[in-house]
Amino acid sequence: MTFLEIPKHIPCNITALDLHHNRLTALRAKDFNCYTCLEHLDLSSGRIRIVETGSFVGLLSLKSFTLYQNQISHLTQKTLEGLYSLKILDLGFNKIKNIYAMWMSVPTLEELYLDHNKISVIHLRAFYSLPHLRILHLHRNELFILDAYMLARLFEPSLLGSGFQSLRLTMSGNPFEHSVDDFERYAWCLETVVMVYRSKYLQWDEQQKNRRECRFDTGPLSHTAECLS
């Protein structure tokens, strides 16, 4: 059965809802207002283009949200209001072009999938409000250049939390000005505990064994980054 809108007859106390492969074109304000127990929501492989502010108010318990393979091109910080427990957000295979400053305020988020979009611009403060982020997929977009400071912030110990938990960052398949291998090596420097940024060493756990150094050129990533054994 396919739907043109979120069906109204679904019990409010459900914990999982799968509406993938439907004909939904828009998510309207208060569509999920009563689903306070919902933990998993799948709206993948649809036709969603519009996501109104307030669409997710009420989803207080939602942990995983799949919007994979739709036609979404624009999201704002207010669009995602109400997702106070969200850990996994999959927006892969959409048409998102820009990631704005503080574009989502979901402090519980651990996994963010933005692969296979049309992203060409990422603001340097785009991920500041995601302190628990562990997986970030940006591969197969239209990125030519990334701001060095933005990348450095993603790997700061203050953002990675106690224990220096790793962040998995994928960026392959973008039309970078330099070899993507340079960026992949940088992204995987999480045993990397000393990073050179703007010619200054930030020492992140000098006691860790097999310590590596990550050398990173000044300014936007118009130069290469490299990990040194």
N, C-alpha and C. Protein backbone atom coordinates (compact mmCIF):
# COMPACT_ATOMS: atom_id res chain seq x y z
N MET A 1 0.84 -1.18 0.00
CA MET A 1 0.00 0.00 0.00
C MET A 1 0.89 1.25 0.00
N THR A 2 0.56 2.20 -0.86
CA THR A 2 1.32 3.44 -0.91
C THR A 2 0.47 4.60 -0.39
N PHE A 3 1.16 5.63 0.13
CA PHE A 3 0.46 6.76 0.73
C PHE A 3 0.93 8.06 0.09
N LEU A 4 0.01 9.03 0.01
CA LEU A 4 0.34 10.36 -0.46
C LEU A 4 0.64 11.29 0.70
N GLU A 5 0.25 10.89 1.92
CA GLU A 5 0.52 11.65 3.13
C GLU A 5 0.65 10.68 4.30
N ILE A 6 1.15 11.17 5.41
CA ILE A 6 1.31 10.32 6.59
C ILE A 6 -0.07 9.83 7.02
N PRO A 7 -0.29 8.52 7.05
CA PRO A 7 -1.62 8.01 7.42
C PRO A 7 -2.00 8.39 8.85
N LYS A 8 -3.29 8.62 9.06
CA LYS A 8 -3.78 9.10 10.35
C LYS A 8 -4.22 7.97 11.28
N HIS A 9 -4.33 6.76 10.76
CA HIS A 9 -4.91 5.67 11.55
C HIS A 9 -3.86 4.89 12.35
N ILE A 10 -2.59 5.25 12.27
CA ILE A 10 -1.53 4.51 12.95
C ILE A 10 -1.58 4.80 14.45
N PRO A 11 -1.54 3.78 15.29
CA PRO A 11 -1.59 3.99 16.75
C PRO A 11 -0.43 4.87 17.22
N CYS A 12 -0.72 5.73 18.16
CA CYS A 12 0.29 6.69 18.63
C CYS A 12 1.38 6.06 19.48
N ASN A 13 1.17 4.83 19.98
CA ASN A 13 2.15 4.22 20.89
C ASN A 13 3.13 3.28 20.20
N ILE A 14 3.19 3.31 18.87
CA ILE A 14 4.13 2.44 18.17
C ILE A 14 5.57 2.91 18.42
N THR A 15 6.53 1.97 18.29
CA THR A 15 7.95 2.31 18.49
C THR A 15 8.74 2.28 17.18
N ALA A 16 8.16 1.72 16.11
CA ALA A 16 8.84 1.68 14.82
C ALA A 16 7.82 1.87 13.71
N LEU A 17 8.20 2.65 12.69
CA LEU A 17 7.30 2.92 11.57
C LEU A 17 8.10 2.90 10.27
N ASP A 18 7.68 2.03 9.36
CA ASP A 18 8.36 1.89 8.07
C ASP A 18 7.41 2.30 6.96
N LEU A 19 7.71 3.43 6.34
CA LEU A 19 6.90 3.94 5.23
C LEU A 19 7.76 4.14 3.98
N HIS A 20 8.77 3.29 3.81
CA HIS A 20 9.64 3.45 2.65
C HIS A 20 8.90 3.05 1.37
N HIS A 21 9.41 3.52 0.24
CA HIS A 21 8.79 3.27 -1.07
C HIS A 21 7.34 3.75 -1.10
N ASN A 22 7.12 4.98 -0.64
CA ASN A 22 5.80 5.56 -0.73
C ASN A 22 5.81 6.76 -1.67
N ARG A 23 4.67 7.39 -1.81
CA ARG A 23 4.54 8.51 -2.75
C ARG A 23 4.43 9.84 -2.00
N LEU A 24 4.95 9.87 -0.79
CA LEU A 24 4.96 11.11 -0.02
C LEU A 24 5.81 12.16 -0.74
N THR A 25 5.31 13.37 -0.84
CA THR A 25 6.09 14.45 -1.46
C THR A 25 6.44 15.54 -0.45
N ALA A 26 5.75 15.55 0.70
CA ALA A 26 6.00 16.58 1.70
C ALA A 26 5.75 16.04 3.10
N LEU A 27 6.50 16.58 4.05
CA LEU A 27 6.25 16.32 5.46
C LEU A 27 5.75 17.62 6.07
N ARG A 28 4.56 17.56 6.66
CA ARG A 28 3.90 18.76 7.15
C ARG A 28 4.05 18.92 8.66
N ALA A 29 3.91 20.15 9.11
CA ALA A 29 3.99 20.44 10.54
C ALA A 29 3.00 19.57 11.30
N LYS A 30 3.47 18.97 12.38
CA LYS A 30 2.66 18.14 13.29
C LYS A 30 2.24 16.80 12.68
N ASP A 31 2.87 16.37 11.59
CA ASP A 31 2.55 15.05 11.02
C ASP A 31 2.78 13.93 12.03
N PHE A 32 3.77 14.11 12.90
CA PHE A 32 4.13 13.05 13.85
C PHE A 32 3.90 13.49 15.30
N ASN A 33 2.98 14.39 15.48
CA ASN A 33 2.80 15.05 16.77
C ASN A 33 2.52 14.09 17.93
N CYS A 34 1.84 12.99 17.67
CA CYS A 34 1.42 12.10 18.77
C CYS A 34 2.37 10.92 18.99
N TYR A 35 3.41 10.79 18.17
CA TYR A 35 4.24 9.58 18.22
C TYR A 35 5.43 9.75 19.17
N THR A 36 5.13 9.99 20.42
CA THR A 36 6.18 10.26 21.40
C THR A 36 6.99 9.02 21.77
N CYS A 37 6.49 7.84 21.44
CA CYS A 37 7.21 6.59 21.75
C CYS A 37 8.00 6.07 20.55
N LEU A 38 7.86 6.68 19.40
CA LEU A 38 8.50 6.19 18.18
C LEU A 38 10.03 6.31 18.28
N GLU A 39 10.73 5.20 18.02
CA GLU A 39 12.19 5.17 18.10
C GLU A 39 12.86 5.02 16.75
N HIS A 40 12.16 4.42 15.77
CA HIS A 40 12.76 4.17 14.45
C HIS A 40 11.76 4.57 13.37
N LEU A 41 12.18 5.44 12.47
CA LEU A 41 11.31 5.92 11.40
C LEU A 41 12.03 5.82 10.07
N ASP A 42 11.41 5.13 9.11
CA ASP A 42 11.99 4.94 7.78
C ASP A 42 11.07 5.54 6.73
N LEU A 43 11.55 6.62 6.10
CA LEU A 43 10.82 7.27 5.01
C LEU A 43 11.66 7.26 3.74
N SER A 44 12.47 6.24 3.58
CA SER A 44 13.41 6.18 2.46
C SER A 44 12.71 5.84 1.15
N SER A 45 13.45 6.10 0.07
CA SER A 45 13.01 5.74 -1.29
C SER A 45 11.63 6.28 -1.62
N GLY A 46 11.47 7.57 -1.40
CA GLY A 46 10.20 8.22 -1.70
C GLY A 46 10.37 9.40 -2.63
N ARG A 47 9.45 10.36 -2.51
CA ARG A 47 9.48 11.54 -3.37
C ARG A 47 9.47 12.83 -2.55
N ILE A 48 9.89 12.75 -1.33
CA ILE A 48 9.80 13.90 -0.42
C ILE A 48 10.70 15.03 -0.91
N ARG A 49 10.11 16.20 -1.11
CA ARG A 49 10.84 17.40 -1.53
C ARG A 49 10.78 18.49 -0.46
N ILE A 50 9.66 18.53 0.28
CA ILE A 50 9.41 19.59 1.24
C ILE A 50 9.37 19.02 2.65
N VAL A 51 10.12 19.65 3.56
CA VAL A 51 10.06 19.30 4.97
C VAL A 51 9.76 20.58 5.74
N GLU A 52 8.54 20.71 6.21
CA GLU A 52 8.14 21.94 6.89
C GLU A 52 8.72 22.01 8.30
N THR A 53 8.95 23.23 8.76
CA THR A 53 9.34 23.44 10.16
C THR A 53 8.23 22.91 11.06
N GLY A 54 8.62 22.13 12.06
CA GLY A 54 7.64 21.56 12.97
C GLY A 54 7.16 20.17 12.58
N SER A 55 7.71 19.63 11.49
CA SER A 55 7.28 18.31 11.05
C SER A 55 7.56 17.22 12.07
N PHE A 56 8.61 17.42 12.88
CA PHE A 56 9.04 16.33 13.77
C PHE A 56 8.79 16.63 15.25
N VAL A 57 8.02 17.68 15.50
CA VAL A 57 7.64 17.97 16.88
C VAL A 57 6.82 16.80 17.42
N GLY A 58 7.22 16.30 18.57
CA GLY A 58 6.53 15.14 19.15
C GLY A 58 7.37 13.89 19.12
N LEU A 59 8.39 13.85 18.27
CA LEU A 59 9.23 12.64 18.15
C LEU A 59 10.34 12.67 19.21
N LEU A 60 9.93 12.69 20.45
CA LEU A 60 10.86 12.87 21.56
C LEU A 60 11.78 11.68 21.77
N SER A 61 11.35 10.48 21.33
CA SER A 61 12.11 9.25 21.58
C SER A 61 12.84 8.73 20.34
N LEU A 62 12.71 9.43 19.22
CA LEU A 62 13.25 8.92 17.96
C LEU A 62 14.77 8.80 18.01
N LYS A 63 15.29 7.60 17.69
CA LYS A 63 16.73 7.34 17.72
C LYS A 63 17.33 7.22 16.32
N SER A 64 16.59 6.63 15.39
CA SER A 64 17.11 6.51 14.02
C SER A 64 16.05 6.98 13.02
N PHE A 65 16.51 7.77 12.06
CA PHE A 65 15.62 8.39 11.08
C PHE A 65 16.25 8.25 9.71
N THR A 66 15.55 7.56 8.81
CA THR A 66 16.06 7.31 7.46
C THR A 66 15.24 8.09 6.44
N LEU A 67 15.90 9.04 5.79
CA LEU A 67 15.29 9.81 4.70
C LEU A 67 16.06 9.59 3.40
N TYR A 68 16.74 8.49 3.35
CA TYR A 68 17.58 8.08 2.23
C TYR A 68 16.78 8.08 0.92
N GLN A 69 17.38 8.56 -0.14
CA GLN A 69 16.83 8.49 -1.49
C GLN A 69 15.46 9.16 -1.62
N ASN A 70 15.47 10.46 -1.33
CA ASN A 70 14.31 11.29 -1.60
C ASN A 70 14.75 12.45 -2.49
N GLN A 71 14.05 13.57 -2.44
CA GLN A 71 14.39 14.71 -3.30
C GLN A 71 14.56 15.99 -2.47
N ILE A 72 15.03 15.82 -1.25
CA ILE A 72 15.20 16.95 -0.34
C ILE A 72 16.41 17.78 -0.77
N SER A 73 16.22 19.08 -0.90
CA SER A 73 17.33 19.95 -1.32
C SER A 73 17.71 20.98 -0.25
N HIS A 74 16.85 21.14 0.75
CA HIS A 74 17.10 22.21 1.72
C HIS A 74 16.58 21.81 3.09
N LEU A 75 17.43 21.97 4.11
CA LEU A 75 17.04 21.77 5.50
C LEU A 75 17.64 22.91 6.32
N THR A 76 16.92 23.34 7.32
CA THR A 76 17.44 24.37 8.22
C THR A 76 17.52 23.82 9.63
N GLN A 77 18.10 24.58 10.53
CA GLN A 77 18.20 24.17 11.92
C GLN A 77 16.80 23.94 12.51
N LYS A 78 15.87 24.80 12.17
CA LYS A 78 14.52 24.70 12.73
C LYS A 78 13.74 23.52 12.16
N THR A 79 14.12 23.08 10.96
CA THR A 79 13.43 21.95 10.35
C THR A 79 13.48 20.72 11.24
N LEU A 80 14.62 20.53 11.91
CA LEU A 80 14.84 19.31 12.68
C LEU A 80 14.53 19.49 14.17
N GLU A 81 13.87 20.54 14.53
CA GLU A 81 13.52 20.77 15.93
C GLU A 81 12.63 19.65 16.45
N GLY A 82 12.91 19.25 17.68
CA GLY A 82 12.09 18.22 18.33
C GLY A 82 12.74 16.86 18.38
N LEU A 83 13.87 16.69 17.67
CA LEU A 83 14.54 15.38 17.62
C LEU A 83 15.60 15.31 18.73
N TYR A 84 15.14 15.25 19.96
CA TYR A 84 16.03 15.39 21.11
C TYR A 84 16.79 14.12 21.47
N SER A 85 16.41 12.98 20.89
CA SER A 85 17.06 11.71 21.21
C SER A 85 17.75 11.08 20.01
N LEU A 86 17.75 11.78 18.88
CA LEU A 86 18.21 11.18 17.62
C LEU A 86 19.70 10.86 17.65
N LYS A 87 20.03 9.64 17.22
CA LYS A 87 21.42 9.19 17.14
C LYS A 87 21.88 8.96 15.71
N ILE A 88 20.96 8.54 14.83
CA ILE A 88 21.32 8.21 13.45
C ILE A 88 20.38 8.95 12.49
N LEU A 89 20.97 9.70 11.55
CA LEU A 89 20.20 10.41 10.53
C LEU A 89 20.81 10.11 9.16
N ASP A 90 20.01 9.50 8.30
CA ASP A 90 20.48 9.14 6.96
C ASP A 90 19.77 10.01 5.92
N LEU A 91 20.54 10.94 5.33
CA LEU A 91 20.05 11.82 4.28
C LEU A 91 20.75 11.56 2.96
N GLY A 92 21.32 10.38 2.82
CA GLY A 92 22.02 10.03 1.60
C GLY A 92 21.10 10.00 0.39
N PHE A 93 21.69 10.24 -0.79
CA PHE A 93 20.95 10.18 -2.06
C PHE A 93 19.77 11.16 -2.08
N ASN A 94 20.03 12.40 -1.67
CA ASN A 94 19.05 13.47 -1.83
C ASN A 94 19.64 14.53 -2.74
N LYS A 95 19.21 15.77 -2.62
CA LYS A 95 19.68 16.84 -3.50
C LYS A 95 20.16 18.05 -2.71
N ILE A 96 20.66 17.80 -1.51
CA ILE A 96 21.13 18.87 -0.64
C ILE A 96 22.37 19.53 -1.25
N LYS A 97 22.40 20.86 -1.27
CA LYS A 97 23.50 21.59 -1.93
C LYS A 97 24.44 22.28 -0.94
N ASN A 98 23.89 22.80 0.16
CA ASN A 98 24.69 23.57 1.11
C ASN A 98 24.46 23.08 2.52
N ILE A 99 25.54 23.10 3.32
CA ILE A 99 25.44 22.82 4.74
C ILE A 99 25.77 24.12 5.46
N TYR A 100 24.76 24.72 6.07
CA TYR A 100 24.92 26.04 6.65
C TYR A 100 25.46 25.97 8.07
N ALA A 101 25.84 27.13 8.61
CA ALA A 101 26.34 27.21 9.98
C ALA A 101 25.27 26.76 10.95
N MET A 102 25.69 25.88 11.88
CA MET A 102 24.79 25.38 12.91
C MET A 102 23.48 24.86 12.30
N TRP A 103 23.60 24.17 11.17
CA TRP A 103 22.39 23.85 10.40
C TRP A 103 21.50 22.84 11.09
N MET A 104 22.04 22.10 12.02
CA MET A 104 21.17 21.23 12.80
C MET A 104 21.63 21.24 14.25
N SER A 105 20.66 21.36 15.12
CA SER A 105 20.97 21.34 16.54
C SER A 105 20.40 20.05 17.12
N VAL A 106 21.16 18.98 16.94
CA VAL A 106 20.76 17.66 17.43
C VAL A 106 21.95 17.12 18.22
N PRO A 107 22.13 17.57 19.44
CA PRO A 107 23.37 17.26 20.18
C PRO A 107 23.60 15.79 20.46
N THR A 108 22.55 14.96 20.35
CA THR A 108 22.71 13.53 20.60
C THR A 108 23.18 12.75 19.37
N LEU A 109 23.24 13.41 18.21
CA LEU A 109 23.51 12.71 16.95
C LEU A 109 24.91 12.09 16.93
N GLU A 110 24.98 10.81 16.55
CA GLU A 110 26.25 10.08 16.47
C GLU A 110 26.62 9.70 15.04
N GLU A 111 25.64 9.51 14.19
CA GLU A 111 25.92 9.10 12.80
C GLU A 111 25.12 9.98 11.85
N LEU A 112 25.83 10.60 10.90
CA LEU A 112 25.20 11.48 9.92
C LEU A 112 25.65 11.08 8.52
N TYR A 113 24.70 10.72 7.68
CA TYR A 113 24.99 10.26 6.32
C TYR A 113 24.48 11.30 5.33
N LEU A 114 25.43 11.96 4.65
CA LEU A 114 25.12 12.98 3.66
C LEU A 114 25.71 12.63 2.30
N ASP A 115 26.03 11.37 2.11
CA ASP A 115 26.65 10.94 0.86
C ASP A 115 25.67 11.01 -0.31
N HIS A 116 26.23 11.08 -1.50
CA HIS A 116 25.45 11.09 -2.75
C HIS A 116 24.40 12.20 -2.75
N ASN A 117 24.84 13.41 -2.37
CA ASN A 117 24.01 14.59 -2.52
C ASN A 117 24.67 15.50 -3.55
N LYS A 118 24.40 16.80 -3.49
CA LYS A 118 25.00 17.77 -4.40
C LYS A 118 25.71 18.87 -3.61
N ILE A 119 26.25 18.49 -2.46
CA ILE A 119 26.85 19.46 -1.55
C ILE A 119 28.12 20.04 -2.16
N SER A 120 28.15 21.36 -2.27
CA SER A 120 29.34 22.03 -2.77
C SER A 120 29.91 23.01 -1.75
N VAL A 121 29.11 23.36 -0.73
CA VAL A 121 29.54 24.31 0.28
C VAL A 121 29.22 23.76 1.67
N ILE A 122 30.24 23.77 2.55
CA ILE A 122 30.04 23.43 3.96
C ILE A 122 30.60 24.58 4.79
N HIS A 123 29.74 25.23 5.53
CA HIS A 123 30.17 26.34 6.37
C HIS A 123 31.08 25.81 7.48
N LEU A 124 32.05 26.61 7.88
CA LEU A 124 33.04 26.12 8.82
C LEU A 124 32.45 25.81 10.19
N ARG A 125 31.28 26.35 10.53
CA ARG A 125 30.62 26.04 11.80
C ARG A 125 29.48 25.04 11.64
N ALA A 126 29.45 24.35 10.53
CA ALA A 126 28.31 23.49 10.23
C ALA A 126 28.05 22.40 11.26
N PHE A 127 29.12 21.86 11.85
CA PHE A 127 28.95 20.71 12.73
C PHE A 127 29.23 21.03 14.20
N TYR A 128 29.24 22.31 14.54
CA TYR A 128 29.56 22.72 15.91
C TYR A 128 28.58 22.17 16.94
N SER A 129 27.34 22.01 16.55
CA SER A 129 26.32 21.59 17.50
C SER A 129 26.13 20.08 17.54
N LEU A 130 27.13 19.32 17.05
CA LEU A 130 27.05 17.86 17.04
C LEU A 130 28.24 17.29 17.82
N PRO A 131 28.27 17.45 19.13
CA PRO A 131 29.46 17.08 19.91
C PRO A 131 29.71 15.58 20.01
N HIS A 132 28.71 14.75 19.70
CA HIS A 132 28.87 13.30 19.84
C HIS A 132 29.01 12.59 18.49
N LEU A 133 29.24 13.34 17.44
CA LEU A 133 29.32 12.76 16.10
C LEU A 133 30.47 11.77 16.00
N ARG A 134 30.18 10.55 15.50
CA ARG A 134 31.19 9.51 15.35
C ARG A 134 31.37 9.06 13.90
N ILE A 135 30.32 9.21 13.10
CA ILE A 135 30.38 8.83 11.68
C ILE A 135 29.81 9.98 10.85
N LEU A 136 30.59 10.42 9.87
CA LEU A 136 30.15 11.48 8.96
C LEU A 136 30.52 11.08 7.55
N HIS A 137 29.51 10.83 6.73
CA HIS A 137 29.73 10.43 5.34
C HIS A 137 29.43 11.61 4.41
N LEU A 138 30.46 12.04 3.70
CA LEU A 138 30.33 13.13 2.74
C LEU A 138 30.76 12.70 1.34
N HIS A 139 30.93 11.41 1.12
CA HIS A 139 31.42 10.96 -0.17
C HIS A 139 30.36 11.14 -1.26
N ARG A 140 30.87 11.23 -2.49
CA ARG A 140 30.03 11.39 -3.67
C ARG A 140 29.16 12.64 -3.60
N ASN A 141 29.81 13.78 -3.36
CA ASN A 141 29.14 15.06 -3.44
C ASN A 141 29.85 15.92 -4.49
N GLU A 142 29.77 17.23 -4.37
CA GLU A 142 30.38 18.13 -5.36
C GLU A 142 31.34 19.10 -4.68
N LEU A 143 32.08 18.60 -3.71
CA LEU A 143 33.01 19.43 -2.94
C LEU A 143 34.32 19.60 -3.71
N PHE A 144 34.71 20.85 -3.92
CA PHE A 144 35.99 21.15 -4.55
C PHE A 144 37.04 21.50 -3.51
N ILE A 145 36.58 22.03 -2.38
CA ILE A 145 37.51 22.51 -1.36
C ILE A 145 36.81 22.48 -0.01
N LEU A 146 37.60 22.26 1.05
CA LEU A 146 37.08 22.25 2.41
C LEU A 146 37.90 23.20 3.26
N ASP A 147 37.25 23.83 4.21
CA ASP A 147 37.95 24.74 5.09
C ASP A 147 38.77 23.96 6.11
N ALA A 148 40.02 24.29 6.22
CA ALA A 148 40.92 23.57 7.11
C ALA A 148 40.47 23.65 8.56
N TYR A 149 40.00 24.83 8.97
CA TYR A 149 39.59 25.00 10.35
C TYR A 149 38.39 24.13 10.68
N MET A 150 37.45 24.01 9.74
CA MET A 150 36.27 23.16 9.96
C MET A 150 36.68 21.72 10.20
N LEU A 151 37.61 21.21 9.37
CA LEU A 151 38.08 19.85 9.56
C LEU A 151 38.81 19.67 10.89
N ALA A 152 39.63 20.65 11.21
CA ALA A 152 40.37 20.57 12.47
C ALA A 152 39.42 20.49 13.65
N ARG A 153 38.34 21.25 13.61
CA ARG A 153 37.37 21.23 14.70
C ARG A 153 36.72 19.87 14.87
N LEU A 154 36.51 19.16 13.78
CA LEU A 154 35.91 17.83 13.87
C LEU A 154 36.76 16.86 14.67
N PHE A 155 38.07 17.11 14.70
CA PHE A 155 38.98 16.19 15.38
C PHE A 155 39.46 16.72 16.73
N GLU A 156 38.87 17.81 17.20
CA GLU A 156 39.30 18.33 18.49
C GLU A 156 38.90 17.40 19.62
N PRO A 157 39.76 17.19 20.58
CA PRO A 157 39.43 16.33 21.72
C PRO A 157 38.19 16.80 22.46
N SER A 158 37.98 18.12 22.52
CA SER A 158 36.81 18.64 23.24
C SER A 158 35.52 18.21 22.57
N LEU A 159 35.57 17.97 21.25
CA LEU A 159 34.38 17.50 20.55
C LEU A 159 34.30 15.99 20.56
N LEU A 160 35.45 15.32 20.53
CA LEU A 160 35.44 13.86 20.51
C LEU A 160 35.14 13.27 21.88
N GLY A 161 35.20 14.05 22.94
CA GLY A 161 34.84 13.58 24.26
C GLY A 161 35.96 12.82 24.93
N SER A 162 35.68 12.36 26.12
CA SER A 162 36.70 11.65 26.89
C SER A 162 37.03 10.33 26.23
N GLY A 163 38.28 9.93 26.32
CA GLY A 163 38.69 8.66 25.71
C GLY A 163 39.12 8.81 24.28
N PHE A 164 39.00 10.02 23.70
CA PHE A 164 39.41 10.26 22.32
C PHE A 164 38.76 9.27 21.35
N GLN A 165 37.46 9.16 21.44
CA GLN A 165 36.75 8.26 20.55
C GLN A 165 36.90 8.74 19.12
N SER A 166 36.93 7.80 18.19
CA SER A 166 37.26 8.14 16.81
C SER A 166 36.05 8.66 16.04
N LEU A 167 36.36 9.46 15.04
CA LEU A 167 35.36 9.93 14.10
C LEU A 167 35.70 9.34 12.74
N ARG A 168 34.74 8.68 12.14
CA ARG A 168 34.95 8.12 10.80
C ARG A 168 34.38 9.10 9.78
N LEU A 169 35.27 9.64 8.98
CA LEU A 169 34.90 10.66 7.99
C LEU A 169 35.25 10.15 6.61
N THR A 170 34.26 10.06 5.71
CA THR A 170 34.53 9.62 4.34
C THR A 170 34.25 10.78 3.38
N MET A 171 35.18 10.98 2.43
CA MET A 171 35.06 12.10 1.49
C MET A 171 35.41 11.70 0.05
N SER A 172 35.53 10.44 -0.22
CA SER A 172 35.92 10.01 -1.56
C SER A 172 34.83 10.35 -2.58
N GLY A 173 35.24 10.42 -3.84
CA GLY A 173 34.27 10.67 -4.91
C GLY A 173 33.83 12.11 -5.04
N ASN A 174 34.60 13.05 -4.43
CA ASN A 174 34.34 14.47 -4.63
C ASN A 174 35.38 15.03 -5.59
N PRO A 175 35.04 16.06 -6.34
CA PRO A 175 35.99 16.61 -7.33
C PRO A 175 37.00 17.57 -6.69
N PHE A 176 37.70 17.10 -5.64
CA PHE A 176 38.67 17.95 -4.96
C PHE A 176 39.77 18.38 -5.93
N GLU A 177 40.40 19.51 -5.58
CA GLU A 177 41.47 20.03 -6.42
C GLU A 177 42.71 19.14 -6.35
N HIS A 178 42.82 18.33 -5.28
CA HIS A 178 43.94 17.43 -5.13
C HIS A 178 43.42 16.02 -4.91
N SER A 179 44.32 15.07 -4.90
CA SER A 179 43.96 13.67 -4.75
C SER A 179 43.16 13.44 -3.49
N VAL A 180 42.06 12.67 -3.62
CA VAL A 180 41.23 12.37 -2.46
C VAL A 180 41.99 11.55 -1.43
N ASP A 181 43.03 10.85 -1.86
CA ASP A 181 43.82 10.07 -0.91
C ASP A 181 44.41 10.96 0.17
N ASP A 182 44.74 12.20 -0.20
CA ASP A 182 45.29 13.13 0.78
C ASP A 182 44.29 13.39 1.90
N PHE A 183 43.02 13.54 1.50
CA PHE A 183 41.99 13.84 2.48
C PHE A 183 41.65 12.59 3.29
N GLU A 184 41.62 11.44 2.64
CA GLU A 184 41.32 10.21 3.37
C GLU A 184 42.39 9.94 4.41
N ARG A 185 43.64 10.19 4.07
CA ARG A 185 44.71 9.98 5.05
C ARG A 185 44.53 10.91 6.24
N TYR A 186 44.11 12.13 5.94
CA TYR A 186 43.89 13.07 7.03
C TYR A 186 42.73 12.61 7.91
N ALA A 187 41.64 12.19 7.25
CA ALA A 187 40.45 11.80 7.99
C ALA A 187 40.68 10.59 8.88
N TRP A 188 41.61 9.74 8.51
CA TRP A 188 41.83 8.53 9.30
C TRP A 188 42.95 8.70 10.33
N CYS A 189 43.32 9.90 10.61
CA CYS A 189 44.38 10.16 11.60
C CYS A 189 43.82 10.16 13.01
N LEU A 190 43.00 9.20 13.35
CA LEU A 190 42.45 9.23 14.69
C LEU A 190 43.27 8.49 15.70
N GLU A 191 44.14 7.67 15.28
CA GLU A 191 45.19 7.30 16.19
C GLU A 191 46.15 8.45 16.17
N THR A 192 45.96 9.34 15.28
CA THR A 192 46.74 10.55 15.17
C THR A 192 46.44 11.40 16.36
N VAL A 193 47.41 11.57 17.18
CA VAL A 193 47.17 12.34 18.36
C VAL A 193 47.88 13.66 18.36
N VAL A 194 48.71 13.88 17.38
CA VAL A 194 49.32 15.20 17.24
C VAL A 194 49.02 15.69 15.84
N MET A 195 48.38 16.84 15.76
CA MET A 195 48.01 17.38 14.46
C MET A 195 48.67 18.74 14.28
N VAL A 196 49.22 18.95 13.12
CA VAL A 196 49.79 20.25 12.82
C VAL A 196 48.70 21.07 12.14
N TYR A 197 48.36 22.18 12.79
CA TYR A 197 47.33 23.03 12.19
C TYR A 197 47.81 24.47 12.28
N ARG A 198 47.86 25.12 11.14
CA ARG A 198 48.41 26.48 11.07
C ARG A 198 49.79 26.55 11.74
N SER A 199 50.58 25.50 11.44
CA SER A 199 51.98 25.42 11.87
C SER A 199 52.15 25.31 13.39
N LYS A 200 51.09 24.94 14.11
CA LYS A 200 51.20 24.77 15.55
C LYS A 200 50.77 23.36 15.92
N TYR A 201 51.52 22.71 16.80
CA TYR A 201 51.17 21.36 17.23
C TYR A 201 50.11 21.44 18.34
N LEU A 202 49.05 20.66 18.15
CA LEU A 202 48.04 20.49 19.19
C LEU A 202 48.23 19.07 19.72
N GLN A 203 48.76 18.90 20.89
CA GLN A 203 49.09 17.57 21.39
C GLN A 203 47.89 17.00 22.11
N TRP A 204 47.44 15.84 21.62
CA TRP A 204 46.20 15.27 22.09
C TRP A 204 46.38 14.00 22.89
N ASP A 205 47.26 13.53 23.43
CA ASP A 205 47.40 12.30 24.18
C ASP A 205 48.78 11.76 23.87
N GLU A 206 49.74 12.37 24.43
CA GLU A 206 51.11 12.04 24.10
C GLU A 206 51.49 10.64 24.54
N GLN A 207 50.72 10.05 25.44
CA GLN A 207 51.07 8.74 25.96
C GLN A 207 50.60 7.61 25.03
N GLN A 208 49.74 7.93 24.09
CA GLN A 208 49.20 6.86 23.25
C GLN A 208 50.30 6.22 22.41
N LYS A 209 50.28 4.91 22.35
CA LYS A 209 51.32 4.19 21.61
C LYS A 209 51.11 4.35 20.11
N ASN A 210 52.17 4.13 19.38
CA ASN A 210 52.13 4.23 17.92
C ASN A 210 51.58 5.59 17.46
N ARG A 211 52.01 6.61 18.17
CA ARG A 211 51.54 7.96 17.86
C ARG A 211 51.99 8.39 16.47
N ARG A 212 51.08 9.02 15.74
CA ARG A 212 51.42 9.52 14.43
C ARG A 212 51.28 11.04 14.41
N GLU A 213 51.79 11.65 13.39
CA GLU A 213 51.63 13.09 13.22
C GLU A 213 50.86 13.36 11.93
N CYS A 214 49.99 14.34 12.01
CA CYS A 214 49.21 14.72 10.84
C CYS A 214 49.60 16.12 10.45
N ARG A 215 50.18 16.28 9.30
CA ARG A 215 50.60 17.62 8.87
C ARG A 215 49.54 18.20 7.95
N PHE A 216 49.16 19.43 8.27
CA PHE A 216 48.02 20.04 7.60
C PHE A 216 48.39 21.45 7.20
N ASP A 217 48.31 21.78 5.93
CA ASP A 217 48.73 23.10 5.47
C ASP A 217 47.76 24.19 5.91
N THR A 218 48.29 25.41 5.98
CA THR A 218 47.49 26.55 6.41
C THR A 218 46.43 26.90 5.38
N GLY A 219 45.29 27.41 5.88
CA GLY A 219 44.26 27.93 4.99
C GLY A 219 43.33 26.85 4.49
N PRO A 220 42.45 27.21 3.56
CA PRO A 220 41.54 26.23 2.98
C PRO A 220 42.32 25.09 2.34
N LEU A 221 41.68 23.96 2.19
CA LEU A 221 42.39 22.78 1.70
C LEU A 221 42.68 22.88 0.21
N SER A 222 43.52 23.82 -0.14
CA SER A 222 43.99 23.90 -1.51
C SER A 222 45.35 23.23 -1.61
N HIS A 223 45.84 22.74 -0.45
CA HIS A 223 47.09 21.99 -0.40
C HIS A 223 46.79 20.62 0.18
N THR A 224 47.78 19.78 0.17
CA THR A 224 47.55 18.42 0.63
C THR A 224 47.71 18.30 2.13
N ALA A 225 47.14 17.22 2.64
CA ALA A 225 47.35 16.85 4.05
C ALA A 225 48.00 15.49 4.05
N GLU A 226 48.84 15.23 5.03
CA GLU A 226 49.50 13.93 5.04
C GLU A 226 49.70 13.43 6.46
N CYS A 227 49.66 12.12 6.61
CA CYS A 227 49.95 11.48 7.88
C CYS A 227 51.33 10.89 7.81
N LEU A 228 52.12 11.14 8.83
CA LEU A 228 53.50 10.67 8.85
C LEU A 228 53.65 9.63 9.93
N SER A 229 54.23 8.50 9.62
CA SER A 229 54.43 7.45 10.62
C SER A 229 55.42 7.91 11.66
